[in-house]
Amino acid sequence: MQIPFDARAFRDGLNRLKLTALPKGYQPLLIKPFLREQHLQELEREGISALDLCGNGVVVAPGVLAVFRSGAKNRFSSSAPITSIYRKNSSRVGRVFLARSSYDAVQEIHAEINRRNLLVNRWST
């Protein structure tokens, strides 16, 4: 029996987070298009925070905060892998958060995305 792509992606992400040594004071975070309630429960037991693009998630900050939200339906029901995920527009927001972890306003995020967008830069001069 072949493991479904979604289950395999979850398991791979969880295993990677468990094996990754993070700097002191940092907590792991798993982000996926959709997380099932049983995935969130497992992540909570493991002490790993996770969010999905449907509004489900578990946030675990030991000794500080614990939040669990589930019940939003999967808006991304296709299990086909996305091709070229790091090209064009599909990763712009993620890239700016990798370059800088926090922003004071949504407008700063928007400006940084546009600053990195060659088409916006070329036509706005």
C-alpha atoms as a PDB file:
ATOM      1  CA  MET A   1       0.000   0.000   0.000  1.00  0.00           C
ATOM      2  CA  GLN A   2       1.336   3.417  -0.954  1.00  0.00           C
ATOM      3  CA  ILE A   3       1.241   6.193   1.662  1.00  0.00           C
ATOM      4  CA  PRO A   4      -0.794   9.217   0.463  1.00  0.00           C
ATOM      5  CA  PHE A   5       1.278  12.289  -0.404  1.00  0.00           C
ATOM      6  CA  ASP A   6      -0.351  14.361   2.380  1.00  0.00           C
ATOM      7  CA  ALA A   7       0.443  11.810   5.093  1.00  0.00           C
ATOM      8  CA  ARG A   8       3.989  11.351   3.814  1.00  0.00           C
ATOM      9  CA  ALA A   9       4.575  15.125   3.693  1.00  0.00           C
ATOM     10  CA  PHE A  10       3.311  15.467   7.271  1.00  0.00           C
ATOM     11  CA  ARG A  11       5.495  12.623   8.515  1.00  0.00           C
ATOM     12  CA  ASP A  12       8.568  13.959   6.679  1.00  0.00           C
ATOM     13  CA  GLY A  13       8.035  17.447   8.107  1.00  0.00           C
ATOM     14  CA  LEU A  14       7.514  16.168  11.632  1.00  0.00           C
ATOM     15  CA  ASN A  15      10.615  13.970  11.485  1.00  0.00           C
ATOM     16  CA  ARG A  16      12.719  16.813  10.114  1.00  0.00           C
ATOM     17  CA  LEU A  17      11.616  19.135  12.921  1.00  0.00           C
ATOM     18  CA  LYS A  18      12.335  16.495  15.564  1.00  0.00           C
ATOM     19  CA  LEU A  19      15.878  16.008  14.236  1.00  0.00           C
ATOM     20  CA  THR A  20      16.756  19.671  13.697  1.00  0.00           C
ATOM     21  CA  ALA A  21      18.748  21.379  16.435  1.00  0.00           C
ATOM     22  CA  LEU A  22      17.418  24.907  16.910  1.00  0.00           C
ATOM     23  CA  PRO A  23      19.175  27.793  18.662  1.00  0.00           C
ATOM     24  CA  LYS A  24      18.315  28.327  22.324  1.00  0.00           C
ATOM     25  CA  GLY A  25      14.939  30.018  22.750  1.00  0.00           C
ATOM     26  CA  TYR A  26      13.621  28.995  19.311  1.00  0.00           C
ATOM     27  CA  GLN A  27      10.665  26.671  18.839  1.00  0.00           C
ATOM     28  CA  PRO A  28       9.892  24.546  15.751  1.00  0.00           C
ATOM     29  CA  LEU A  29       6.923  25.393  13.520  1.00  0.00           C
ATOM     30  CA  LEU A  30       5.387  23.194  10.823  1.00  0.00           C
ATOM     31  CA  ILE A  31       3.360  24.937   8.090  1.00  0.00           C
ATOM     32  CA  LYS A  32       1.222  22.938   5.645  1.00  0.00           C
ATOM     33  CA  PRO A  33      -1.758  23.687   3.409  1.00  0.00           C
ATOM     34  CA  PHE A  34      -3.984  21.507   5.620  1.00  0.00           C
ATOM     35  CA  LEU A  35      -3.523  19.697   8.938  1.00  0.00           C
ATOM     36  CA  ARG A  36      -5.979  17.084  10.125  1.00  0.00           C
ATOM     37  CA  GLU A  37      -7.063  17.126  13.769  1.00  0.00           C
ATOM     38  CA  GLN A  38      -5.113  13.927  14.507  1.00  0.00           C
ATOM     39  CA  HIS A  39      -1.983  15.608  13.086  1.00  0.00           C
ATOM     40  CA  LEU A  40      -2.524  18.591  15.374  1.00  0.00           C
ATOM     41  CA  GLN A  41      -2.977  16.308  18.378  1.00  0.00           C
ATOM     42  CA  GLU A  42       0.249  14.467  17.563  1.00  0.00           C
ATOM     43  CA  LEU A  43       2.129  17.748  17.146  1.00  0.00           C
ATOM     44  CA  GLU A  44       0.778  18.991  20.478  1.00  0.00           C
ATOM     45  CA  ARG A  45       2.018  15.795  22.191  1.00  0.00           C
ATOM     46  CA  GLU A  46       5.437  16.332  20.582  1.00  0.00           C
ATOM     47  CA  GLY A  47       5.527  19.988  21.670  1.00  0.00           C
ATOM     48  CA  ILE A  48       5.731  21.249  18.081  1.00  0.00           C
ATOM     49  CA  SER A  49       3.695  24.203  16.833  1.00  0.00           C
ATOM     50  CA  ALA A  50       1.953  24.036  13.462  1.00  0.00           C
ATOM     51  CA  LEU A  51      -0.334  26.137  11.291  1.00  0.00           C
ATOM     52  CA  ASP A  52      -2.203  25.443   8.097  1.00  0.00           C
ATOM     53  CA  LEU A  53      -3.641  27.718   5.429  1.00  0.00           C
ATOM     54  CA  CYS A  54      -7.217  26.885   6.474  1.00  0.00           C
ATOM     55  CA  GLY A  55      -6.973  28.412   9.969  1.00  0.00           C
ATOM     56  CA  ASN A  56      -6.192  25.246  11.925  1.00  0.00           C
ATOM     57  CA  GLY A  57      -3.203  25.062  14.189  1.00  0.00           C
ATOM     58  CA  VAL A  58      -1.543  24.374  17.483  1.00  0.00           C
ATOM     59  CA  VAL A  59       0.866  26.813  19.088  1.00  0.00           C
ATOM     60  CA  VAL A  60       3.006  25.477  21.898  1.00  0.00           C
ATOM     61  CA  ALA A  61       5.322  27.763  23.860  1.00  0.00           C
ATOM     62  CA  PRO A  62       6.270  25.763  26.973  1.00  0.00           C
ATOM     63  CA  GLY A  63       5.491  27.631  30.169  1.00  0.00           C
ATOM     64  CA  VAL A  64       4.046  30.591  28.242  1.00  0.00           C
ATOM     65  CA  LEU A  65       1.187  29.703  25.906  1.00  0.00           C
ATOM     66  CA  ALA A  66      -0.755  26.834  24.360  1.00  0.00           C
ATOM     67  CA  VAL A  67      -3.414  27.306  21.667  1.00  0.00           C
ATOM     68  CA  PHE A  68      -5.290  24.591  19.747  1.00  0.00           C
ATOM     69  CA  ARG A  69      -7.695  25.331  16.901  1.00  0.00           C
ATOM     70  CA  SER A  70      -9.268  22.763  14.630  1.00  0.00           C
ATOM     71  CA  GLY A  71     -12.402  22.318  12.594  1.00  0.00           C
ATOM     72  CA  ALA A  72     -11.792  24.403   9.480  1.00  0.00           C
ATOM     73  CA  LYS A  73     -12.367  22.366   6.331  1.00  0.00           C
ATOM     74  CA  ASN A  74      -9.596  21.620   3.851  1.00  0.00           C
ATOM     75  CA  ARG A  75      -9.697  24.238   1.093  1.00  0.00           C
ATOM     76  CA  PHE A  76      -6.757  22.558  -0.660  1.00  0.00           C
ATOM     77  CA  SER A  77      -8.156  19.102  -1.381  1.00  0.00           C
ATOM     78  CA  SER A  78      -5.831  18.312  -4.280  1.00  0.00           C
ATOM     79  CA  SER A  79      -3.094  15.961  -3.201  1.00  0.00           C
ATOM     80  CA  ALA A  80      -0.950  16.556  -6.273  1.00  0.00           C
ATOM     81  CA  PRO A  81       2.428  18.047  -5.388  1.00  0.00           C
ATOM     82  CA  ILE A  82       3.002  21.641  -6.432  1.00  0.00           C
ATOM     83  CA  THR A  83       5.722  21.967  -9.041  1.00  0.00           C
ATOM     84  CA  SER A  84       8.296  24.760  -9.051  1.00  0.00           C
ATOM     85  CA  ILE A  85       7.170  25.998  -5.637  1.00  0.00           C
ATOM     86  CA  TYR A  86      10.182  28.297  -5.267  1.00  0.00           C
ATOM     87  CA  ARG A  87       9.633  30.087  -8.573  1.00  0.00           C
ATOM     88  CA  LYS A  88       7.584  33.124  -9.465  1.00  0.00           C
ATOM     89  CA  ASN A  89       4.826  34.331  -7.120  1.00  0.00           C
ATOM     90  CA  SER A  90       4.192  31.188  -5.081  1.00  0.00           C
ATOM     91  CA  SER A  91       6.962  31.860  -2.572  1.00  0.00           C
ATOM     92  CA  ARG A  92       7.323  35.641  -2.370  1.00  0.00           C
ATOM     93  CA  VAL A  93       5.735  36.045   1.066  1.00  0.00           C
ATOM     94  CA  GLY A  94       7.674  33.118   2.508  1.00  0.00           C
ATOM     95  CA  ARG A  95      10.922  34.539   1.160  1.00  0.00           C
ATOM     96  CA  VAL A  96      10.478  37.920   2.818  1.00  0.00           C
ATOM     97  CA  PHE A  97       9.838  36.227   6.171  1.00  0.00           C
ATOM     98  CA  LEU A  98      12.972  34.146   5.735  1.00  0.00           C
ATOM     99  CA  ALA A  99      14.947  37.314   5.043  1.00  0.00           C
ATOM    100  CA  ARG A 100      13.467  39.187   8.027  1.00  0.00           C
ATOM    101  CA  SER A 101      11.458  37.557  10.797  1.00  0.00           C
ATOM    102  CA  SER A 102       9.190  40.459  11.752  1.00  0.00           C
ATOM    103  CA  TYR A 103       7.659  43.604  10.309  1.00  0.00           C
ATOM    104  CA  ASP A 104       5.917  46.509  12.021  1.00  0.00           C
ATOM    105  CA  ALA A 105       3.103  46.767   9.473  1.00  0.00           C
ATOM    106  CA  VAL A 106       1.542  44.821   6.625  1.00  0.00           C
ATOM    107  CA  GLN A 107       2.563  47.687   4.337  1.00  0.00           C
ATOM    108  CA  GLU A 108       6.238  46.902   5.086  1.00  0.00           C
ATOM    109  CA  ILE A 109       5.702  43.301   3.957  1.00  0.00           C
ATOM    110  CA  HIS A 110       3.947  44.478   0.799  1.00  0.00           C
ATOM    111  CA  ALA A 111       6.753  46.953   0.048  1.00  0.00           C
ATOM    112  CA  GLU A 112       9.434  44.285   0.556  1.00  0.00           C
ATOM    113  CA  ILE A 113       7.615  41.848  -1.750  1.00  0.00           C
ATOM    114  CA  ASN A 114       7.359  44.530  -4.425  1.00  0.00           C
ATOM    115  CA  ARG A 115      10.998  45.534  -3.937  1.00  0.00           C
ATOM    116  CA  ARG A 116      12.017  41.956  -4.764  1.00  0.00           C
ATOM    117  CA  ASN A 117       9.635  41.716  -7.738  1.00  0.00           C
ATOM    118  CA  LEU A 118      11.625  42.480 -10.878  1.00  0.00           C
ATOM    119  CA  LEU A 119       8.512  43.261 -12.943  1.00  0.00           C
ATOM    120  CA  VAL A 120       7.227  45.832 -10.434  1.00  0.00           C
ATOM    121  CA  ASN A 121      10.667  47.440 -10.203  1.00  0.00           C
ATOM    122  CA  ARG A 122      11.165  47.574 -13.964  1.00  0.00           C
ATOM    123  CA  TRP A 123       7.811  49.154 -14.806  1.00  0.00           C
ATOM    124  CA  SER A 124       7.636  51.552 -11.867  1.00  0.00           C
ATOM    125  CA  THR A 125      10.752  53.551 -12.903  1.00  0.00           C
END
